């Protein structure tokens, strides 16, 4: 089972969305880029979305909100 962790926020352009295959890496990257994103986009609500691939479809598992 393949899990993807996606860092995104509302209104974010698709080419800025980051995708990881490891939740620890996603959490670390989120902390690393959070201040830059807040300064650049004035956006405080981030989310890490987890998807698992089933029958060639990505099914969402859960969402973690960060402030």
PDB file of N, CA and C in Angstrom:
ATOM      1  N   UNK A   1       0.842  -1.180   0.000  1.00  0.00           N
ATOM      2  CA  UNK A   1       0.000   0.000   0.000  1.00  0.00           C
ATOM      3  C   UNK A   1       0.890   1.247   0.000  1.00  0.00           C
ATOM      4  N   UNK A   2       0.654   2.127  -0.930  1.00  0.00           N
ATOM      5  CA  UNK A   2       1.458   3.337  -1.076  1.00  0.00           C
ATOM      6  C   UNK A   2       0.729   4.515  -0.437  1.00  0.00           C
ATOM      7  N   UNK A   3       1.373   5.211   0.484  1.00  0.00           N
ATOM      8  CA  UNK A   3       0.784   6.397   1.090  1.00  0.00           C
ATOM      9  C   UNK A   3       1.533   7.626   0.615  1.00  0.00           C
ATOM     10  N   UNK A   4       0.777   8.666   0.288  1.00  0.00           N
ATOM     11  CA  UNK A   4       1.352   9.949  -0.090  1.00  0.00           C
ATOM     12  C   UNK A   4       0.914  10.993   0.916  1.00  0.00           C
ATOM     13  N   UNK A   5       1.831  11.856   1.316  1.00  0.00           N
ATOM     14  CA  UNK A   5       1.534  12.930   2.252  1.00  0.00           C
ATOM     15  C   UNK A   5       1.691  14.245   1.511  1.00  0.00           C
ATOM     16  N   UNK A   6       0.651  15.038   1.519  1.00  0.00           N
ATOM     17  CA  UNK A   6       0.615  16.245   0.703  1.00  0.00           C
ATOM     18  C   UNK A   6       0.506  17.460   1.616  1.00  0.00           C
ATOM     19  N   UNK A   7       1.415  18.422   1.430  1.00  0.00           N
ATOM     20  CA  UNK A   7       1.369  19.682   2.167  1.00  0.00           C
ATOM     21  C   UNK A   7       0.713  20.716   1.266  1.00  0.00           C
ATOM     22  N   UNK A   8      -0.366  21.301   1.759  1.00  0.00           N
ATOM     23  CA  UNK A   8      -1.086  22.277   0.953  1.00  0.00           C
ATOM     24  C   UNK A   8      -1.839  23.224   1.874  1.00  0.00           C
ATOM     25  N   UNK A   9      -2.325  24.304   1.304  1.00  0.00           N
ATOM     26  CA  UNK A   9      -3.249  25.166   2.018  1.00  0.00           C
ATOM     27  C   UNK A   9      -4.211  25.784   1.018  1.00  0.00           C
ATOM     28  N   UNK A  10      -5.304  26.322   1.534  1.00  0.00           N
ATOM     29  CA  UNK A  10      -6.344  26.854   0.663  1.00  0.00           C
ATOM     30  C   UNK A  10      -5.787  27.940  -0.242  1.00  0.00           C
ATOM     31  N   UNK A  11      -6.081  27.858  -1.528  1.00  0.00           N
ATOM     32  CA  UNK A  11      -5.642  28.853  -2.488  1.00  0.00           C
ATOM     33  C   UNK A  11      -4.230  28.637  -3.007  1.00  0.00           C
ATOM     34  N   UNK A  12      -3.591  27.550  -2.592  1.00  0.00           N
ATOM     35  CA  UNK A  12      -2.215  27.286  -3.010  1.00  0.00           C
ATOM     36  C   UNK A  12      -2.184  26.815  -4.456  1.00  0.00           C
ATOM     37  N   UNK A  13      -1.217  27.314  -5.221  1.00  0.00           N
ATOM     38  CA  UNK A  13      -1.058  26.886  -6.604  1.00  0.00           C
ATOM     39  C   UNK A  13      -0.546  25.443  -6.633  1.00  0.00           C
ATOM     40  N   UNK A  14      -0.993  24.677  -7.617  1.00  0.00           N
ATOM     41  CA  UNK A  14      -0.612  23.266  -7.703  1.00  0.00           C
ATOM     42  C   UNK A  14       0.893  23.069  -7.808  1.00  0.00           C
ATOM     43  N   UNK A  15       1.596  23.993  -8.465  1.00  0.00           N
ATOM     44  CA  UNK A  15       3.040  23.791  -8.621  1.00  0.00           C
ATOM     45  C   UNK A  15       3.799  24.059  -7.325  1.00  0.00           C
ATOM     46  N   UNK A  16       3.131  24.552  -6.289  1.00  0.00           N
ATOM     47  CA  UNK A  16       3.776  24.758  -4.990  1.00  0.00           C
ATOM     48  C   UNK A  16       3.472  23.656  -3.986  1.00  0.00           C
ATOM     49  N   UNK A  17       2.553  22.776  -4.331  1.00  0.00           N
ATOM     50  CA  UNK A  17       2.190  21.699  -3.413  1.00  0.00           C
ATOM     51  C   UNK A  17       3.321  20.673  -3.350  1.00  0.00           C
ATOM     52  N   UNK A  18       3.645  20.252  -2.140  1.00  0.00           N
ATOM     53  CA  UNK A  18       4.734  19.289  -1.964  1.00  0.00           C
ATOM     54  C   UNK A  18       4.154  17.931  -1.579  1.00  0.00           C
ATOM     55  N   UNK A  19       4.717  16.893  -2.184  1.00  0.00           N
ATOM     56  CA  UNK A  19       4.238  15.534  -1.955  1.00  0.00           C
ATOM     57  C   UNK A  19       5.391  14.677  -1.419  1.00  0.00           C
ATOM     58  N   UNK A  20       5.115  13.899  -0.379  1.00  0.00           N
ATOM     59  CA  UNK A  20       6.123  13.037   0.240  1.00  0.00           C
ATOM     60  C   UNK A  20       5.551  11.635   0.384  1.00  0.00           C
ATOM     61  N   UNK A  21       6.430  10.654   0.473  1.00  0.00           N
ATOM     62  CA  UNK A  21       5.958   9.290   0.724  1.00  0.00           C
ATOM     63  C   UNK A  21       6.240   8.862   2.162  1.00  0.00           C
ATOM     64  N   UNK A  22       6.603   9.818   3.000  1.00  0.00           N
ATOM     65  CA  UNK A  22       6.939   9.532   4.393  1.00  0.00           C
ATOM     66  C   UNK A  22       6.374  10.643   5.265  1.00  0.00           C
ATOM     67  N   UNK A  23       5.568  10.289   6.251  1.00  0.00           N
ATOM     68  CA  UNK A  23       4.926  11.317   7.078  1.00  0.00           C
ATOM     69  C   UNK A  23       5.927  12.136   7.873  1.00  0.00           C
ATOM     70  N   UNK A  24       6.994  11.515   8.356  1.00  0.00           N
ATOM     71  CA  UNK A  24       8.003  12.243   9.129  1.00  0.00           C
ATOM     72  C   UNK A  24       8.655  13.315   8.266  1.00  0.00           C
ATOM     73  N   UNK A  25       8.975  12.977   7.022  1.00  0.00           N
ATOM     74  CA  UNK A  25       9.547  13.963   6.103  1.00  0.00           C
ATOM     75  C   UNK A  25       8.565  15.096   5.841  1.00  0.00           C
ATOM     76  N   UNK A  26       7.290  14.760   5.700  1.00  0.00           N
ATOM     77  CA  UNK A  26       6.273  15.777   5.450  1.00  0.00           C
ATOM     78  C   UNK A  26       6.144  16.725   6.642  1.00  0.00           C
ATOM     79  N   UNK A  27       6.132  16.168   7.853  1.00  0.00           N
ATOM     80  CA  UNK A  27       6.042  17.001   9.056  1.00  0.00           C
ATOM     81  C   UNK A  27       7.261  17.921   9.165  1.00  0.00           C
ATOM     82  N   UNK A  28       8.444  17.378   8.909  1.00  0.00           N
ATOM     83  CA  UNK A  28       9.669  18.174   8.988  1.00  0.00           C
ATOM     84  C   UNK A  28       9.652  19.293   7.947  1.00  0.00           C
ATOM     85  N   UNK A  29       9.261  18.964   6.733  1.00  0.00           N
ATOM     86  CA  UNK A  29       9.213  19.968   5.673  1.00  0.00           C
ATOM     87  C   UNK A  29       8.191  21.049   5.993  1.00  0.00           C
ATOM     88  N   UNK A  30       7.068  20.666   6.559  1.00  0.00           N
ATOM     89  CA  UNK A  30       6.047  21.648   6.910  1.00  0.00           C
ATOM     90  C   UNK A  30       6.592  22.647   7.920  1.00  0.00           C
ATOM     91  N   UNK A  31       7.268  22.156   8.952  1.00  0.00           N
ATOM     92  CA  UNK A  31       7.848  23.056   9.944  1.00  0.00           C
ATOM     93  C   UNK A  31       8.891  23.964   9.310  1.00  0.00           C
ATOM     94  N   UNK A  32       9.669  23.415   8.385  1.00  0.00           N
ATOM     95  CA  UNK A  32      10.746  24.160   7.752  1.00  0.00           C
ATOM     96  C   UNK A  32      10.227  25.293   6.867  1.00  0.00           C
ATOM     97  N   UNK A  33       9.109  25.048   6.161  1.00  0.00           N
ATOM     98  CA  UNK A  33       8.637  26.053   5.208  1.00  0.00           C
ATOM     99  C   UNK A  33       7.497  26.910   5.760  1.00  0.00           C
ATOM    100  N   UNK A  34       6.995  26.592   6.963  1.00  0.00           N
ATOM    101  CA  UNK A  34       5.809  27.276   7.463  1.00  0.00           C
ATOM    102  C   UNK A  34       6.002  28.794   7.565  1.00  0.00           C
ATOM    103  N   UNK A  35       7.083  29.240   8.159  1.00  0.00           N
ATOM    104  CA  UNK A  35       7.298  30.680   8.321  1.00  0.00           C
ATOM    105  C   UNK A  35       7.420  31.384   6.975  1.00  0.00           C
ATOM    106  N   UNK A  36       8.088  30.761   6.029  1.00  0.00           N
ATOM    107  CA  UNK A  36       8.207  31.348   4.697  1.00  0.00           C
ATOM    108  C   UNK A  36       6.830  31.468   4.036  1.00  0.00           C
ATOM    109  N   UNK A  37       6.012  30.441   4.177  1.00  0.00           N
ATOM    110  CA  UNK A  37       4.683  30.472   3.591  1.00  0.00           C
ATOM    111  C   UNK A  37       3.813  31.530   4.249  1.00  0.00           C
ATOM    112  N   UNK A  38       3.933  31.670   5.574  1.00  0.00           N
ATOM    113  CA  UNK A  38       3.144  32.683   6.279  1.00  0.00           C
ATOM    114  C   UNK A  38       3.561  34.072   5.797  1.00  0.00           C
ATOM    115  N   UNK A  39       4.869  34.279   5.667  1.00  0.00           N
ATOM    116  CA  UNK A  39       5.358  35.588   5.240  1.00  0.00           C
ATOM    117  C   UNK A  39       4.965  35.883   3.790  1.00  0.00           C
ATOM    118  N   UNK A  40       5.058  34.888   2.927  1.00  0.00           N
ATOM    119  CA  UNK A  40       4.794  35.085   1.508  1.00  0.00           C
ATOM    120  C   UNK A  40       3.311  35.172   1.201  1.00  0.00           C
ATOM    121  N   UNK A  41       2.542  34.285   1.800  1.00  0.00           N
ATOM    122  CA  UNK A  41       1.127  34.174   1.423  1.00  0.00           C
ATOM    123  C   UNK A  41       0.173  34.679   2.501  1.00  0.00           C
ATOM    124  N   UNK A  42       0.718  35.071   3.677  1.00  0.00           N
ATOM    125  CA  UNK A  42      -0.109  35.502   4.801  1.00  0.00           C
ATOM    126  C   UNK A  42      -1.180  34.443   5.103  1.00  0.00           C
ATOM    127  N   UNK A  43      -0.761  33.196   5.102  1.00  0.00           N
ATOM    128  CA  UNK A  43      -1.691  32.079   5.280  1.00  0.00           C
ATOM    129  C   UNK A  43      -1.246  31.272   6.497  1.00  0.00           C
ATOM    130  N   UNK A  44      -2.172  31.003   7.402  1.00  0.00           N
ATOM    131  CA  UNK A  44      -1.810  30.350   8.654  1.00  0.00           C
ATOM    132  C   UNK A  44      -2.361  28.942   8.784  1.00  0.00           C
ATOM    133  N   UNK A  45      -3.283  28.549   7.959  1.00  0.00           N
ATOM    134  CA  UNK A  45      -3.863  27.215   8.063  1.00  0.00           C
ATOM    135  C   UNK A  45      -3.266  26.292   7.006  1.00  0.00           C
ATOM    136  N   UNK A  46      -2.475  25.349   7.462  1.00  0.00           N
ATOM    137  CA  UNK A  46      -1.833  24.387   6.585  1.00  0.00           C
ATOM    138  C   UNK A  46      -2.442  23.020   6.841  1.00  0.00           C
ATOM    139  N   UNK A  47      -2.311  22.153   5.891  1.00  0.00           N
ATOM    140  CA  UNK A  47      -2.800  20.807   6.127  1.00  0.00           C
ATOM    141  C   UNK A  47      -1.845  19.788   5.503  1.00  0.00           C
ATOM    142  N   UNK A  48      -1.765  18.652   6.137  1.00  0.00           N
ATOM    143  CA  UNK A  48      -1.094  17.502   5.551  1.00  0.00           C
ATOM    144  C   UNK A  48      -2.186  16.488   5.254  1.00  0.00           C
ATOM    145  N   UNK A  49      -2.359  16.175   3.996  1.00  0.00           N
ATOM    146  CA  UNK A  49      -3.374  15.206   3.603  1.00  0.00           C
ATOM    147  C   UNK A  49      -2.689  13.891   3.260  1.00  0.00           C
ATOM    148  N   UNK A  50      -3.268  12.811   3.717  1.00  0.00           N
ATOM    149  CA  UNK A  50      -2.710  11.488   3.475  1.00  0.00           C
ATOM    150  C   UNK A  50      -3.634  10.718   2.538  1.00  0.00           C
ATOM    151  N   UNK A  51      -3.048  10.189   1.475  1.00  0.00           N
ATOM    152  CA  UNK A  51      -3.800   9.399   0.512  1.00  0.00           C
ATOM    153  C   UNK A  51      -3.166   8.024   0.395  1.00  0.00           C
ATOM    154  N   UNK A  52      -3.978   7.032   0.149  1.00  0.00           N
ATOM    155  CA  UNK A  52      -3.454   5.708  -0.162  1.00  0.00           C
ATOM    156  C   UNK A  52      -4.024   5.297  -1.510  1.00  0.00           C
ATOM    157  N   UNK A  53      -3.201   4.650  -2.309  1.00  0.00           N
ATOM    158  CA  UNK A  53      -3.603   4.258  -3.655  1.00  0.00           C
ATOM    159  C   UNK A  53      -4.309   2.912  -3.610  1.00  0.00           C
ATOM    160  N   UNK A  54      -5.565   2.915  -4.064  1.00  0.00           N
ATOM    161  CA  UNK A  54      -6.353   1.679  -4.122  1.00  0.00           C
ATOM    162  C   UNK A  54      -7.009   1.587  -5.488  1.00  0.00           C
ATOM    163  N   UNK A  55      -6.744   0.512  -6.196  1.00  0.00           N
ATOM    164  CA  UNK A  55      -7.352   0.295  -7.517  1.00  0.00           C
ATOM    165  C   UNK A  55      -7.162   1.505  -8.435  1.00  0.00           C
ATOM    166  N   UNK A  56      -5.920   2.003  -8.480  1.00  0.00           N
ATOM    167  CA  UNK A  56      -5.557   3.146  -9.322  1.00  0.00           C
ATOM    168  C   UNK A  56      -6.291   4.439  -8.956  1.00  0.00           C
ATOM    169  N   UNK A  57      -6.832   4.517  -7.754  1.00  0.00           N
ATOM    170  CA  UNK A  57      -7.447   5.748  -7.261  1.00  0.00           C
ATOM    171  C   UNK A  57      -6.770   6.124  -5.952  1.00  0.00           C
ATOM    172  N   UNK A  58      -6.641   7.430  -5.712  1.00  0.00           N
ATOM    173  CA  UNK A  58      -6.094   7.889  -4.441  1.00  0.00           C
ATOM    174  C   UNK A  58      -7.238   8.207  -3.491  1.00  0.00           C
ATOM    175  N   UNK A  59      -7.283   7.484  -2.390  1.00  0.00           N
ATOM    176  CA  UNK A  59      -8.357   7.624  -1.407  1.00  0.00           C
ATOM    177  C   UNK A  59      -7.814   8.394  -0.205  1.00  0.00           C
ATOM    178  N   UNK A  60      -8.461   9.501   0.175  1.00  0.00           N
ATOM    179  CA  UNK A  60      -7.967  10.263   1.331  1.00  0.00           C
ATOM    180  C   UNK A  60      -8.136   9.489   2.632  1.00  0.00           C
ATOM    181  N   UNK A  61      -7.142   9.593   3.511  1.00  0.00           N
ATOM    182  CA  UNK A  61      -7.170   8.900   4.798  1.00  0.00           C
ATOM    183  C   UNK A  61      -7.535   9.888   5.905  1.00  0.00           C
ATOM    184  N   UNK A  62      -6.762  10.932   6.046  1.00  0.00           N
ATOM    185  CA  UNK A  62      -7.051  11.941   7.068  1.00  0.00           C
ATOM    186  C   UNK A  62      -6.347  13.235   6.724  1.00  0.00           C
ATOM    187  N   UNK A  63      -6.735  14.277   7.421  1.00  0.00           N
ATOM    188  CA  UNK A  63      -6.146  15.600   7.226  1.00  0.00           C
ATOM    189  C   UNK A  63      -5.704  16.132   8.584  1.00  0.00           C
ATOM    190  N   UNK A  64      -4.516  16.678   8.638  1.00  0.00           N
ATOM    191  CA  UNK A  64      -4.003  17.291   9.856  1.00  0.00           C
ATOM    192  C   UNK A  64      -3.867  18.788   9.631  1.00  0.00           C
ATOM    193  N   UNK A  65      -4.564  19.573  10.419  1.00  0.00           N
ATOM    194  CA  UNK A  65      -4.447  21.025  10.310  1.00  0.00           C
ATOM    195  C   UNK A  65      -3.334  21.523  11.214  1.00  0.00           C
ATOM    196  N   UNK A  66      -2.566  22.471  10.723  1.00  0.00           N
ATOM    197  CA  UNK A  66      -1.493  23.082  11.511  1.00  0.00           C
ATOM    198  C   UNK A  66      -1.704  24.582  11.508  1.00  0.00           C
ATOM    199  N   UNK A  67      -1.423  25.210  12.639  1.00  0.00           N
ATOM    200  CA  UNK A  67      -1.495  26.676  12.694  1.00  0.00           C
ATOM    201  C   UNK A  67      -0.156  27.215  13.095  1.00  0.00           C
TER     202      UNK A  67
END
